C-alpha cells in the first residue's frame, strides 16, 4: 500500500535502477495481490535496485519504494540504454512520472503518449499588448472559439508557439491560456523560441567562393575601390573594420597587410584601398570584414546565456502548470541551429575563444601536437593565440603553389598553413557545434529543475552534433522533426533526426513538431490537406519513419 492519494484506476510499476539511471520498467494495474515480471533482456551485467510504485501519486515522501536487489550475471540481447525520465508535479500536487522507451516513445503516467495534433499560434499570446486590454480580450475570445472547435473535432494535442520570444509575454497571459487548456482537457506543450540576443561579433569568411571578397591581378600602384555584395551572408548589423592581405602572384608571399575602413549598406560592403607596388609586380588582395552579424536561428550563447537563464528560471517558476503539460520545446530560438547563411561565419566572442582555447588544450595536450595537426609554418605561442586564428580563404592559388593564410586579429599576425591537410577549420567547426550542445544541455537542465517535463529541440537540415545528447542524466530528452513534403522527401529529411536520437547516450523521444505537404506559405493554395486520404497517407509515412507523435502545421 502507498501513502497519499491514488486514483482508483491508477497503474503501478516495477523498475530496475543503477544509481540515478533507470534501465527497465514494467507497468500493471494497481490491484492488490497482482504479481508482475520484469524483463532483464539487454541489461549489462551488474547489480540493480528493484523498485515498485504507483503513478498519479500525491504523497510528499515519494511515489516508490525499494523491493531489493537484482543481479544480472550475463548480458543477453542488444544492450539497452538508460532512459530519459522525470517526475512532473502539477499545480494540484499530483506526481506524473514519465520516461522514454528504447523505441523513442514518451510514456506518461504509465501509458504511451503518442500525440496527434498541431502547433497552435495563439492570437492572444502572439499579439498580447498590455496597453490594449480590449484588443487582448477580443483576441482571447477568438482563441477560445478556435480551441473549442478543435476540441469538438477531437483534437486534444497542441503546443503553443508564441511566434515571438515567450519571455516578452506576461506570465499571467500564459497562465490564463494554460488554465483554459487544462480545464478543457487539452494536452499541451510550450514553445519558448527565445534566448540570448542574436547579435554576434565575428568575421565574414567566404572561404570556398572563388574571387569572393578579393581584387585580382593588380599590377600598378594607386587607390583601388572595392565593392562586394554578399547576398549569402546573414544580417550584417555593423562593420567594425576590414582586414586586407596583399599576396604576390609570383612568390605567393604576403607583401602587405593591415586594416581599412569601409561602408556597410545592407549586405553590400565598399571602400577604398591605397597600394604601393614594385615594378612588374602583380598582386591579389583578399578582404576579411570584421562585423557584428545576426541570424534568426542562432543566439549569442557565449556572451548572453547566463543573463538569459537568470530571466528564464523565474519566468517559468511563476507559471503554475496543470496536468495537461507534456513538454517544453525550443528553449532558444525557433528551430535553433547553424544553417545556411551563418555556417561559414567565424565567431570572435572572447568567451567563445576562451572556451575554444581550453578545448584545444584538452584535445592536443601540447602546442607541438596542435602545430602538427594544423600544419602551420610559424610557431604558435599559446592556446589563446590558436583560439583567435581566422581564415582568409580555403586556398589561395599562386605561381608558387597553393597557399593558406590565417589571421590573429589581436596581434595582427599572419600565419601560413596547408589548408587541404590542416585540421584547423575542422577543429573550429567541431568545437563550435559542441559548444552549442553545451548550452542546449545547460538550458534543458535549468528548465527541468523548475518544471520536470521533457525538453525538446526542433531539428531541421542535416545531422548536427548539438542535437546528440551525450549525458546519461542531464540535458534534453527529445528531438522534434521538421519535415515537409511527401514520401521520398519525408524519408530523406527524417533520417538525420533519427540518427541523432540513436546516437544519444540515453533514450530520446522522437516526434514530428511540424509537417505539411508544402512548407512555404506563399506557395500554398489551400489550408491543410486536399483530402482526408492525403493527410492519412502523410501521417502514415511519418509513423513509418519512426515518429512517435505528430504535430501538424497547416
Protein backbone atom coordinates (compact mmCIF):
# COMPACT_ATOMS: atom_id res chain seq x y z
CA UNK A 1 0.00 0.00 0.00
CA UNK A 2 1.20 3.52 -0.84
CA UNK A 3 0.83 6.61 1.34
CA UNK A 4 -1.14 9.54 -0.06
CA UNK A 5 -3.99 9.56 -2.53
CA UNK A 6 -4.06 7.31 -5.60
CA UNK A 7 -6.72 7.30 -8.32
CA UNK A 8 -8.84 4.15 -8.42
CA UNK A 9 -7.68 3.19 -11.91
CA UNK A 10 -4.01 4.05 -11.39
CA UNK A 11 -1.21 1.96 -12.83
CA UNK A 12 1.63 0.55 -10.78
CA UNK A 13 5.17 -0.17 -11.92
CA UNK A 14 8.32 -2.09 -11.17
CA UNK A 15 11.68 -0.63 -12.20
CA UNK A 16 15.35 -1.54 -12.34
CA UNK A 17 17.87 1.16 -11.43
CA UNK A 18 21.62 1.62 -11.17
CA UNK A 19 22.13 4.74 -9.12
CA UNK A 20 20.27 7.55 -10.92
CA UNK A 21 19.95 5.54 -14.13
CA UNK A 22 16.61 3.93 -14.98
CA UNK A 23 17.06 0.86 -17.18
CA UNK A 24 13.80 -1.09 -17.21
CA UNK A 25 10.13 -0.51 -16.44
CA UNK A 26 7.07 -2.75 -16.44
CA UNK A 27 3.58 -1.31 -15.82
CA UNK A 28 0.49 -3.11 -14.49
CA UNK A 29 -2.85 -2.30 -12.83
CA UNK A 30 -2.51 -1.20 -9.20
CA UNK A 31 -4.55 -4.02 -7.71
CA UNK A 32 -3.76 -5.84 -4.52
CA UNK A 33 -2.40 -9.34 -4.96
CA UNK A 34 -1.14 -8.97 -8.55
CA UNK A 35 2.38 -10.09 -9.43
CA UNK A 36 4.49 -8.73 -12.28
CA UNK A 37 7.59 -9.93 -14.13
CA UNK A 38 10.25 -7.56 -15.45
CA UNK A 39 12.47 -8.38 -18.42
CA UNK A 40 16.24 -8.47 -17.99
CA UNK A 41 16.92 -8.56 -21.75
CA UNK A 42 19.64 -6.18 -22.86
CA UNK A 43 20.81 -5.26 -19.37
CA UNK A 44 24.56 -5.20 -18.85
CA UNK A 45 25.90 -7.48 -16.15
CA UNK A 46 25.81 -5.99 -12.67
CA UNK A 47 23.62 -5.27 -9.65
CA UNK A 48 20.34 -3.36 -9.98
CA UNK A 49 17.95 -1.92 -7.46
CA UNK A 50 14.37 -3.15 -7.85
CA UNK A 51 11.74 -0.52 -7.08
CA UNK A 52 7.95 -0.55 -7.17
CA UNK A 53 5.47 2.29 -7.09
CA UNK A 54 2.32 3.82 -8.47
CA UNK A 55 1.54 6.57 -10.95
CA UNK A 56 -0.62 9.66 -10.26
CA UNK A 57 0.51 9.91 -6.67
CA UNK A 58 0.32 12.85 -4.25
CA UNK A 59 2.46 11.65 -1.33
CA UNK A 60 5.17 14.14 -0.39
CA UNK A 61 7.57 11.37 0.62
CA UNK A 62 7.68 9.89 -2.88
CA UNK A 63 5.91 7.54 -5.21
CA UNK A 64 8.03 4.38 -4.96
CA UNK A 65 9.90 2.13 -2.58
CA UNK A 66 12.75 -0.36 -2.88
CA UNK A 67 11.96 -4.07 -3.05
CA UNK A 68 15.50 -5.36 -3.09
CA UNK A 69 18.45 -6.09 -5.38
CA UNK A 70 18.67 -7.95 -8.69
CA UNK A 71 21.98 -9.26 -10.06
CA UNK A 72 22.43 -9.81 -13.78
CA UNK A 73 25.29 -12.23 -14.33
CA UNK A 74 25.23 -12.45 -18.13
CA UNK A 75 24.29 -9.91 -20.75
CA UNK A 76 21.62 -11.13 -23.17
CA UNK A 77 20.38 -9.45 -26.33
CA UNK A 78 21.11 -5.95 -27.60
CA UNK A 79 22.18 -3.69 -24.74
CA UNK A 80 19.56 -1.16 -23.70
CA UNK A 81 20.30 2.45 -22.88
CA UNK A 82 19.34 4.17 -19.67
CA UNK A 83 16.08 6.03 -20.09
CA UNK A 84 15.29 9.72 -20.12
CA UNK A 85 12.90 10.15 -17.22
CA UNK A 86 11.47 12.63 -14.75
CA UNK A 87 8.62 13.45 -12.39
CA UNK A 88 6.37 16.42 -13.12
CA UNK A 89 4.37 17.81 -10.18
CA UNK A 90 1.32 19.72 -11.45
CA UNK A 91 -0.40 22.66 -9.75
CA UNK A 92 -2.71 20.27 -7.87
CA UNK A 93 0.24 18.41 -6.33
CA UNK A 94 -0.17 15.29 -8.49
CA UNK A 95 3.06 13.50 -9.41
CA UNK A 96 3.38 12.41 -13.05
CA UNK A 97 6.22 10.00 -13.78
CA UNK A 98 7.42 9.99 -17.39
CA UNK A 99 10.13 8.16 -19.27
CA UNK A 100 11.18 7.43 -22.85
CA UNK A 101 11.30 3.88 -24.16
CA UNK A 102 14.05 2.28 -26.23
CA UNK A 103 11.98 2.84 -29.39
CA UNK A 104 11.57 6.60 -28.70
CA UNK A 105 8.04 6.62 -27.21
CA UNK A 106 7.20 9.01 -24.38
CA UNK A 107 5.46 7.16 -21.55
CA UNK A 108 3.33 9.37 -19.29
CA UNK A 109 1.76 8.01 -16.10
CA UNK A 110 2.48 4.51 -17.35
CA UNK A 111 0.78 4.91 -20.76
CA UNK A 112 2.18 5.78 -24.20
CA UNK A 113 1.77 9.43 -25.10
CA UNK A 114 1.67 9.48 -28.90
CA UNK A 115 0.07 12.83 -29.76
CA UNK A 116 -1.69 13.68 -32.99
CA UNK A 117 -2.44 17.36 -33.17
CA UNK A 118 -0.90 20.63 -34.22
CA UNK A 119 1.23 23.66 -33.50
CA UNK A 120 -1.10 26.43 -32.35
CA UNK A 121 -0.22 30.12 -32.73
CA UNK A 122 -2.46 31.89 -30.22
CA UNK A 123 -3.72 35.34 -31.22
CA UNK A 124 -3.96 36.26 -27.55
CA UNK A 125 -0.36 35.26 -26.79
CA UNK A 126 1.32 36.32 -30.03
CA UNK A 127 -0.27 39.79 -30.10
CA UNK A 128 -0.64 40.42 -26.37
CA UNK A 129 -0.38 44.14 -25.68
CA UNK A 130 -0.51 45.37 -22.10
CA UNK A 131 -1.76 48.75 -23.37
CA UNK A 132 -4.65 47.24 -25.36
CA UNK A 133 -6.95 45.40 -22.91
CA UNK A 134 -9.94 45.49 -25.27
CA UNK A 135 -7.88 44.07 -28.12
CA UNK A 136 -6.47 41.42 -25.82
CA UNK A 137 -9.96 40.34 -24.82
CA UNK A 138 -11.13 40.19 -28.43
CA UNK A 139 -8.13 38.06 -29.33
CA UNK A 140 -8.81 35.85 -26.31
CA UNK A 141 -12.37 35.21 -27.40
CA UNK A 142 -11.16 34.34 -30.90
CA UNK A 143 -8.75 31.81 -29.37
CA UNK A 144 -11.50 30.32 -27.21
CA UNK A 145 -13.68 29.80 -30.28
CA UNK A 146 -10.84 28.17 -32.21
CA UNK A 147 -9.82 25.91 -29.33
CA UNK A 148 -13.36 24.76 -28.63
CA UNK A 149 -13.77 23.99 -32.33
CA UNK A 150 -10.59 21.91 -32.23
CA UNK A 151 -11.82 20.10 -29.13
CA UNK A 152 -15.17 19.36 -30.79
CA UNK A 153 -13.26 17.84 -33.71
CA UNK A 154 -11.43 15.52 -31.31
CA UNK A 155 -8.07 17.33 -31.34
CA UNK A 156 -6.62 17.47 -27.83
CA UNK A 157 -2.89 17.66 -28.54
CA UNK A 158 -1.34 21.08 -29.15
CA UNK A 159 1.79 23.01 -28.44
CA UNK A 160 1.76 26.78 -28.26
CA UNK A 161 4.17 28.71 -30.47
CA UNK A 162 4.20 32.37 -29.35
CA UNK A 163 5.87 33.42 -32.65
CA UNK A 164 7.93 35.86 -30.58
CA UNK A 165 10.10 35.31 -27.51
CA UNK A 166 7.95 33.72 -24.80
CA UNK A 167 9.54 35.88 -22.10
CA UNK A 168 8.20 39.01 -23.80
CA UNK A 169 4.68 37.96 -22.81
CA UNK A 170 3.48 38.41 -19.19
CA UNK A 171 3.22 35.19 -17.21
CA UNK A 172 -0.41 35.97 -16.34
CA UNK A 173 -1.30 35.81 -20.04
CA UNK A 174 0.36 32.42 -20.34
CA UNK A 175 -1.36 31.29 -17.12
CA UNK A 176 -4.79 32.22 -18.47
CA UNK A 177 -4.21 30.18 -21.63
CA UNK A 178 -2.82 27.14 -19.81
CA UNK A 179 -5.64 27.19 -17.25
CA UNK A 180 -8.12 27.10 -20.13
CA UNK A 181 -6.29 24.24 -21.86
CA UNK A 182 -6.23 22.26 -18.61
CA UNK A 183 -9.92 22.89 -17.93
CA UNK A 184 -10.87 21.74 -21.43
CA UNK A 185 -8.79 18.56 -21.29
CA UNK A 186 -6.03 19.52 -23.74
CA UNK A 187 -2.56 18.02 -23.52
CA UNK A 188 -0.09 20.71 -24.45
CA UNK A 189 3.48 21.81 -24.87
CA UNK A 190 5.05 25.25 -24.59
CA UNK A 191 7.48 26.65 -27.15
CA UNK A 192 9.83 29.32 -25.83
CA UNK A 193 11.53 30.48 -29.08
CA UNK A 194 13.59 32.92 -27.01
CA UNK A 195 17.15 33.06 -25.75
CA UNK A 196 20.10 35.43 -25.64
CA UNK A 197 20.47 38.27 -28.13
CA UNK A 198 21.25 37.11 -31.68
CA UNK A 199 23.97 39.68 -32.45
CA UNK A 200 27.45 38.13 -32.60
CA UNK A 201 30.81 39.70 -33.36
CA UNK A 202 32.83 37.78 -35.90
CA UNK A 203 34.30 37.57 -39.37
CA UNK A 204 32.65 37.25 -42.76
CA UNK A 205 34.53 34.29 -44.20
CA UNK A 206 33.83 33.19 -47.74
CA UNK A 207 36.48 30.51 -47.92
CA UNK A 208 35.08 28.40 -50.74
CA UNK A 209 33.84 31.04 -53.17
CA UNK A 210 36.30 31.82 -55.96
CA UNK A 211 37.08 35.54 -56.26
CA UNK A 212 34.86 36.32 -53.26
CA UNK A 213 35.93 39.39 -51.28
CA UNK A 214 39.05 39.92 -53.35
CA UNK A 215 40.64 42.07 -56.05
CA UNK A 216 42.72 40.07 -58.52
CA UNK A 217 45.72 40.73 -60.79
CA UNK A 218 46.51 44.28 -59.69
CA UNK A 219 49.67 45.49 -61.44
CA UNK A 220 50.04 49.17 -60.55
CA UNK A 221 50.26 51.38 -57.50
CA UNK A 222 47.28 53.56 -56.73
CA UNK A 223 43.95 53.77 -54.96
CA UNK A 224 41.55 50.95 -55.67
CA UNK A 225 37.85 50.96 -54.99
CA UNK A 226 36.35 47.73 -53.75
CA UNK A 227 32.69 46.81 -53.53
CA UNK A 228 31.26 43.42 -52.60
CA UNK A 229 27.64 42.34 -52.47
CA UNK A 230 27.29 39.24 -50.29
CA UNK A 231 23.66 38.05 -50.54
CA UNK A 232 24.53 34.74 -48.87
CA UNK A 233 25.66 36.48 -45.67
CA UNK A 234 23.46 36.64 -42.57
CA UNK A 235 22.15 40.01 -41.47
CA UNK A 236 25.13 42.34 -41.15
CA UNK A 237 24.42 44.74 -38.29
CA UNK A 238 27.70 46.65 -38.14
CA UNK A 239 31.03 46.81 -39.96
CA UNK A 240 33.88 47.31 -37.47
CA UNK A 241 36.89 47.13 -39.77
CA UNK A 242 38.13 45.32 -42.86
CA UNK A 243 41.34 43.34 -42.77
CA UNK A 244 43.25 43.08 -46.04
CA UNK A 245 46.01 40.78 -47.24
CA UNK A 246 48.17 41.55 -50.30
CA UNK A 247 49.72 38.42 -51.87
CA UNK A 248 52.37 38.44 -54.59
CA UNK A 249 51.13 36.32 -57.52
CA UNK A 250 54.59 35.00 -58.39
CA UNK A 251 56.06 34.13 -55.00
CA UNK A 252 52.87 33.56 -53.05
CA UNK A 253 54.24 35.68 -50.23
CA UNK A 254 52.38 38.29 -48.24
CA UNK A 255 53.74 41.72 -49.21
CA UNK A 256 51.33 43.87 -47.20
CA UNK A 257 48.58 43.55 -44.66
CA UNK A 258 46.51 45.76 -42.41
CA UNK A 259 43.08 47.19 -41.78
CA UNK A 260 40.97 49.72 -43.61
CA UNK A 261 37.61 51.34 -43.13
CA UNK A 262 34.54 50.67 -45.20
CA UNK A 263 30.86 51.29 -45.63
CA UNK A 264 28.06 48.79 -44.98
CA UNK A 265 24.71 49.08 -46.75
CA UNK A 266 22.56 46.01 -46.21
CA UNK A 267 24.75 43.19 -47.44
CA UNK A 268 26.97 45.37 -49.61
CA UNK A 269 30.41 46.39 -48.36
CA UNK A 270 32.52 49.02 -50.08
CA UNK A 271 35.60 51.16 -49.57
CA UNK A 272 38.95 52.25 -50.99
CA UNK A 273 42.47 50.93 -50.51
CA UNK A 274 45.81 52.52 -51.49
CA UNK A 275 48.53 50.17 -52.69
CA UNK A 276 52.22 50.75 -53.46
CA UNK A 277 53.65 48.06 -55.73
CA UNK A 278 57.10 47.42 -57.12
CA UNK A 279 57.79 47.49 -60.83
CA UNK A 280 56.35 44.45 -62.67
CA UNK A 281 54.74 43.22 -59.50
CA UNK A 282 51.27 41.63 -59.75
CA UNK A 283 49.23 41.01 -56.62
CA UNK A 284 45.89 39.78 -55.37
CA UNK A 285 44.17 41.46 -52.43
CA UNK A 286 41.94 39.49 -50.07
CA UNK A 287 39.50 41.14 -47.67
CA UNK A 288 38.23 39.85 -44.33
CA UNK A 289 35.43 42.01 -42.87
CA UNK A 290 35.08 42.09 -39.09
CA UNK A 291 31.39 42.58 -38.39
CA UNK A 292 28.54 42.15 -35.97
CA UNK A 293 26.07 39.76 -37.57
CA UNK A 294 22.80 38.10 -36.61
CA UNK A 295 20.71 35.20 -37.82
CA UNK A 296 17.26 34.13 -36.76
CA UNK A 297 18.13 30.63 -35.57
CA UNK A 298 21.43 31.34 -33.79
CA UNK A 299 21.64 33.03 -30.39
CA UNK A 300 24.78 34.57 -28.97
CA UNK A 301 25.11 31.95 -26.24
CA UNK A 302 28.71 32.85 -25.45
CA UNK A 303 28.04 36.43 -24.35
CA UNK A 304 24.45 36.15 -23.20
CA UNK A 305 23.48 32.73 -21.86
CA UNK A 306 23.90 33.44 -18.13
CA UNK A 307 21.73 36.56 -18.31
CA UNK A 308 19.06 34.63 -20.23
CA UNK A 309 18.94 31.83 -17.67
CA UNK A 310 18.61 34.43 -14.90
CA UNK A 311 15.44 35.68 -16.63
CA UNK A 312 14.16 32.30 -17.77
CA UNK A 313 14.11 30.44 -14.44
CA UNK A 314 11.92 32.91 -12.51
CA UNK A 315 9.68 33.33 -15.57
CA UNK A 316 8.92 29.60 -15.74
CA UNK A 317 8.67 29.40 -11.93
CA UNK A 318 5.84 31.94 -11.99
CA UNK A 319 3.61 29.73 -14.16
CA UNK A 320 1.55 27.09 -12.35
CA UNK A 321 1.28 24.34 -14.94
CA UNK A 322 -1.63 21.95 -14.72
CA UNK A 323 -1.91 18.26 -15.52
CA UNK A 324 -2.08 18.87 -19.27
CA UNK A 325 1.53 19.97 -19.69
CA UNK A 326 3.67 17.42 -21.51
CA UNK A 327 6.83 19.14 -22.78
CA UNK A 328 8.78 22.34 -23.47
CA UNK A 329 10.17 22.85 -26.96
CA UNK A 330 12.89 25.14 -28.35
CA UNK A 331 14.26 26.87 -25.22
CA UNK A 332 16.28 29.06 -27.59
CA UNK A 333 15.19 30.39 -30.97
CA UNK A 334 12.62 28.55 -33.06
CA UNK A 335 14.36 25.74 -34.98
CA UNK A 336 17.65 26.71 -33.35
CA UNK A 337 20.69 25.85 -35.40
CA UNK A 338 23.63 26.91 -37.54
CA UNK A 339 22.22 26.83 -41.04
CA UNK A 340 22.76 28.28 -44.48
CA UNK A 341 23.89 31.94 -44.34
CA UNK A 342 25.58 31.67 -40.95
CA UNK A 343 27.51 28.42 -41.41
CA UNK A 344 30.78 30.00 -42.59
CA UNK A 345 30.77 32.94 -40.18
CA UNK A 346 33.67 32.89 -37.74
CA UNK A 347 32.71 33.71 -34.15
CA UNK A 348 35.03 36.20 -32.41
CA UNK A 349 33.43 36.32 -28.96
CA UNK A 350 36.04 36.48 -26.18
CA UNK A 351 34.12 33.85 -24.21
CA UNK A 352 33.99 31.60 -27.29
CA UNK A 353 37.76 31.98 -27.72
CA UNK A 354 38.47 31.20 -24.06
CA UNK A 355 36.41 28.03 -24.24
CA UNK A 356 37.98 27.09 -27.59
CA UNK A 357 41.47 27.50 -26.13
CA UNK A 358 40.65 25.13 -23.26
CA UNK A 359 39.10 22.62 -25.66
CA UNK A 360 42.18 22.67 -27.90
CA UNK A 361 44.47 22.11 -24.93
CA UNK A 362 42.34 19.18 -23.77
CA UNK A 363 42.38 17.67 -27.26
CA UNK A 364 46.05 18.11 -28.20
CA UNK A 365 47.89 18.36 -24.87
CA UNK A 366 50.89 20.20 -26.36
CA UNK A 367 51.27 23.10 -28.77
CA UNK A 368 53.64 20.95 -30.85
CA UNK A 369 50.83 18.45 -31.43
CA UNK A 370 48.48 21.28 -32.39
CA UNK A 371 51.08 22.76 -34.74
CA UNK A 372 51.49 19.44 -36.49
CA UNK A 373 47.74 18.84 -36.82
CA UNK A 374 47.09 22.34 -38.12
CA UNK A 375 50.11 22.28 -40.49
CA UNK A 376 51.05 25.87 -39.61
CA UNK A 377 54.53 27.02 -40.59
CA UNK A 378 55.03 29.73 -37.98
CA UNK A 379 55.22 28.93 -34.27
CA UNK A 380 52.01 29.28 -32.25
CA UNK A 381 52.96 30.62 -28.85
CA UNK A 382 49.80 29.87 -26.84
CA UNK A 383 46.42 28.17 -26.84
CA UNK A 384 44.85 31.63 -26.70
CA UNK A 385 46.57 32.60 -29.93
CA UNK A 386 45.36 29.40 -31.59
CA UNK A 387 41.78 30.11 -30.50
CA UNK A 388 41.78 33.51 -32.24
CA UNK A 389 43.02 32.42 -35.67
CA UNK A 390 40.65 33.26 -38.52
CA UNK A 391 40.93 32.02 -42.13
CA UNK A 392 41.03 34.15 -45.26
CA UNK A 393 40.20 31.54 -47.88
CA UNK A 394 40.43 27.78 -48.11
CA UNK A 395 43.21 28.01 -50.64
CA UNK A 396 44.89 30.91 -52.48
CA UNK A 397 46.38 29.94 -55.83
CA UNK A 398 49.80 31.40 -56.68
CA UNK A 399 52.53 30.60 -59.19
CA UNK A 400 54.48 29.07 -56.31
CA UNK A 401 51.56 26.79 -55.49
CA UNK A 402 48.52 26.96 -53.22
CA UNK A 403 48.76 28.95 -50.00
CA UNK A 404 46.57 29.19 -46.94
CA UNK A 405 46.58 32.11 -44.55
CA UNK A 406 45.02 32.70 -41.14
CA UNK A 407 44.91 35.88 -39.08
CA UNK A 408 45.41 36.56 -35.39
CA UNK A 409 43.36 39.77 -35.16
CA UNK A 410 44.65 40.65 -31.69
CA UNK A 411 48.31 40.66 -32.71
CA UNK A 412 47.71 41.43 -36.39
CA UNK A 413 49.93 38.48 -37.31
CA UNK A 414 49.52 36.30 -40.39
CA UNK A 415 50.21 32.54 -40.31
CA UNK A 416 50.62 30.26 -43.33
CA UNK A 417 49.34 26.73 -43.49
CA UNK A 418 48.40 23.88 -45.78
CA UNK A 419 44.62 24.24 -45.82
CA UNK A 420 43.98 20.91 -47.53
CA UNK A 421 45.83 18.95 -44.87
CA UNK A 422 45.19 21.19 -41.87
CA UNK A 423 42.82 20.20 -39.07
CA UNK A 424 42.31 23.90 -38.26
CA UNK A 425 38.85 24.52 -39.76
CA UNK A 426 37.58 21.06 -38.77
CA UNK A 427 38.52 21.78 -35.15
CA UNK A 428 36.78 25.14 -35.25
CA UNK A 429 33.56 23.68 -36.65
CA UNK A 430 33.55 20.74 -34.24
CA UNK A 431 34.15 22.93 -31.20
CA UNK A 432 31.52 25.44 -32.33
CA UNK A 433 28.88 22.72 -32.55
CA UNK A 434 29.92 21.08 -29.27
CA UNK A 435 29.82 24.49 -27.62
CA UNK A 436 26.24 24.98 -28.80
CA UNK A 437 25.47 21.49 -27.47
CA UNK A 438 26.81 22.55 -24.07
CA UNK A 439 24.31 25.42 -23.94
CA UNK A 440 21.49 23.14 -25.11
CA UNK A 441 22.33 20.88 -22.19
CA UNK A 442 22.55 23.75 -19.68
CA UNK A 443 19.22 25.35 -20.57
CA UNK A 444 17.42 21.98 -20.58
CA UNK A 445 18.71 21.07 -17.14
CA UNK A 446 17.85 24.53 -15.79
CA UNK A 447 14.27 24.21 -17.06
CA UNK A 448 13.80 20.74 -15.59
CA UNK A 449 14.94 21.97 -12.18
CA UNK A 450 11.77 24.09 -12.23
CA UNK A 451 9.28 22.04 -14.27
CA UNK A 452 10.41 18.48 -14.89
CA UNK A 453 8.95 17.61 -18.28
CA UNK A 454 10.76 16.53 -21.46
CA UNK A 455 12.70 19.32 -23.20
CA UNK A 456 12.65 19.06 -26.98
CA UNK A 457 14.73 20.70 -29.71
CA UNK A 458 13.35 21.02 -33.22
CA UNK A 459 15.65 19.62 -35.88
CA UNK A 460 15.96 20.98 -39.41
CA UNK A 461 18.62 20.34 -42.04
CA UNK A 462 21.46 17.85 -41.82
CA UNK A 463 22.89 15.87 -38.90
CA UNK A 464 24.17 18.13 -36.11
CA UNK A 465 26.29 17.22 -33.08
CA UNK A 466 24.42 19.70 -30.91
CA UNK A 467 21.29 17.52 -31.14
CA UNK A 468 23.06 14.40 -29.84
CA UNK A 469 22.76 14.19 -26.06
CA UNK A 470 25.97 12.69 -24.61
CA UNK A 471 24.78 12.60 -20.98
CA UNK A 472 23.20 9.68 -19.15
CA UNK A 473 21.30 12.03 -16.83
CA UNK A 474 21.35 15.70 -17.87
CA UNK A 475 20.11 17.89 -20.71
CA UNK A 476 17.34 17.47 -23.25
CA UNK A 477 15.09 14.48 -23.79
CA UNK A 478 13.84 14.52 -27.36
CA UNK A 479 14.16 15.69 -30.95
CA UNK A 480 11.35 17.22 -32.95
CA UNK A 481 11.45 16.59 -36.69
CA UNK A 482 10.56 19.46 -39.02
CA UNK A 483 9.62 17.51 -42.14
CA UNK A 484 7.69 18.98 -45.04
CA UNK A 485 6.94 17.38 -48.39
CA UNK A 486 5.77 13.94 -49.46
CA UNK A 487 7.03 10.36 -49.28
CA UNK A 488 10.64 10.43 -50.54
CA UNK A 489 11.46 13.87 -49.15
CA UNK A 490 9.96 12.91 -45.80
CA UNK A 491 12.23 9.90 -45.51
CA UNK A 492 15.37 11.75 -46.57
CA UNK A 493 14.73 14.57 -44.10
CA UNK A 494 13.80 12.38 -41.14
CA UNK A 495 16.89 10.18 -41.16
CA UNK A 496 19.14 12.80 -39.58
CA UNK A 497 16.89 13.29 -36.54
CA UNK A 498 16.54 9.54 -36.09
CA UNK A 499 20.33 9.18 -36.21
CA UNK A 500 20.71 11.88 -33.55
CA UNK A 501 18.25 10.06 -31.30
CA UNK A 502 20.00 6.72 -31.82
CA UNK A 503 23.45 8.18 -31.14
CA UNK A 504 22.40 9.91 -27.91
CA UNK A 505 23.64 8.32 -24.69
CA UNK A 506 20.15 7.71 -23.34
CA UNK A 507 16.71 7.23 -24.89
CA UNK A 508 15.24 10.19 -26.78
CA UNK A 509 11.61 10.95 -27.62
CA UNK A 510 11.31 11.29 -31.41
CA UNK A 511 8.31 13.20 -32.69
CA UNK A 512 7.26 15.42 -35.57
CA UNK A 513 6.91 19.03 -34.45
CA UNK A 514 5.97 20.44 -37.86
CA UNK A 515 4.78 18.85 -41.08
CA UNK A 516 2.72 19.66 -44.15
CA UNK A 517 2.84 18.99 -47.87
CA UNK A 518 4.26 22.46 -48.63
CA UNK A 519 6.48 24.45 -46.27
CA UNK A 520 6.44 27.87 -47.94
CA UNK A 521 3.18 29.63 -47.06
CA UNK A 522 3.39 31.71 -50.25
CA UNK A 523 3.17 28.54 -52.34
CA UNK A 524 0.07 27.14 -50.63
CA UNK A 525 -3.26 27.30 -52.42
CA UNK A 526 -5.31 25.66 -49.64
CA UNK A 527 -5.22 25.41 -45.86
CA UNK A 528 -4.38 21.91 -44.70
CA UNK A 529 -4.61 18.86 -46.94
CA UNK A 530 -6.67 18.39 -50.11
CA UNK A 531 -8.38 15.31 -48.67
CA UNK A 532 -8.52 13.03 -45.65
CA UNK A 533 -6.82 10.29 -47.66
CA UNK A 534 -3.84 12.52 -48.48
CA UNK A 535 -3.49 13.52 -44.83
CA UNK A 536 -3.74 9.90 -43.69
CA UNK A 537 -1.06 8.87 -46.18
CA UNK A 538 1.20 11.69 -44.95
CA UNK A 539 0.84 10.71 -41.31
CA UNK A 540 1.29 7.01 -42.06
CA UNK A 541 4.61 7.78 -43.73
CA UNK A 542 5.70 9.83 -40.72
CA UNK A 543 4.87 6.97 -38.37
CA UNK A 544 6.64 4.56 -40.69
CA UNK A 545 9.84 6.55 -40.48
CA UNK A 546 9.86 6.47 -36.68
CA UNK A 547 7.69 9.36 -35.47
CA UNK A 548 6.15 8.72 -32.05
CA UNK A 549 3.83 11.71 -32.20
CA UNK A 550 2.81 14.23 -34.88
CA UNK A 551 2.08 17.95 -34.66
CA UNK A 552 0.85 19.37 -37.96
CA UNK A 553 1.33 22.98 -39.07
CA UNK A 554 -1.20 23.80 -41.77
